[in-house]
Amino acid sequence: MSDGSDDAEFGQGSFDLGIDLLLGIDLDRLRRERLCDLLEKGLAMRQAIRQRPAPQHKVARAIGLNELRGLDEHDLREALQVLDSWLREPSEEPVQARRSRFDRPTGVGQLPVPRCVKKALVAQACGLCADPIKPGDEIGRMRPLKKPRNGGFPMMGWLCRHCLFDRRETPRRRDLLIRFFHHLLNTSAVGLNARECDLLHTWLTSGTARSSQAWRDDPLDTTLVRLATSVTEDKPNTWIAFPTSVTILEALQTAETEGPDARLLADVLQHVQEWDTNPQGVDHARYGTGVAYRQQVLARTTRPTFLSDLGGPFFLHTAPDPADEDTETTSAEPS
């Protein structure tokens, strides 16, 4: 085993108490093999400090699992943060993550029950919207997707409370743009519920979108009627085809000229354009023209955005019927 000096020099992290544990290490830059290695060494160190009980169970419970088996990279990073905090304060045992039984929106704005909710140990960014999360804020993880729905959808990381519960009941413009991005990455249309249709209708009619060149080339008047009808009828899903979705984004860009929403909108349009033009020359013979191709273009962009850093596509479609939700399952994430 390395004494940790090489790890520290190259920013790879160490669980050597004589050095710095994980201080100053960016776990987001480490991949699965290194994360697993760090977790194994850290658990061994904790067990050397106190032989019994074994630390694995308490660390697993702190991230909302029954055991440390088949963890994805998001869980590995959180487990390392839990273990790092425990080694720094050996008398402060990890707090068990709560089970997901608490009030949440109902109706068309309801999201699936999260796997667990806990307090953030360190400052981080939401794994979906990238908004900042402070230590002590509530974070949680969504449950693994059931086959065959999970095909092609990576697991989201740890999410802020808004993204866990409220992004479909009280959507922000940011949530709407992220929804457009992930649906366009994985499908040929964008699905919006009545709340999101209401927000989009307001956004399209309250600014200068109607006078944009995009609107003149592809009028959105019929789309406005569909959005208004969806709101009136409280529809759970209204699908907007890819070409119309791109027109909407381009029209909104003229109405949103500054601020974080404008930057995010530009990022979404950047990736949409890259899927169309394939600037990195991704091999269509190997990846086709669908989601695998779009993922490759996203990963190879020369102008990274937080959207490309997080990857995807993430599953942002309809919530399952609450009667079908397994609120007791806490098995490990797929490896």
Foldseek 3Di string as FASTA:
>chain_A
DDCCPVCVVVLLADCNPVPQGNPPRDLLVDADVSLVVRLVVLQVVLCVVPVPDRLQQQLQQLQLFRGPPQAHSLSSVSSSLQSSVCVVPVVDGRDGFAFQDDDFDDDLQFAAGFSTKDFAQAWFAAQQLGHIHHGRFIKTFHDADDPPVCVFFDGTHIGGPCVNGPCQPQNDLSSLLSQLLLCVLAHFKGKHWLNSLVVLLCLCPVFQLCVDPLCVVPPCPVVSVVSVVRNVVRGSIDIGGNVVSLSSLRSSLVRDPDDPSNVSSVVSNVLVVCLVVVPVPDDCVVQPSHNSSSQVSLCPDPDHDVDSSSGGSHDDHGHDDNVPHDSPDRHHHHD
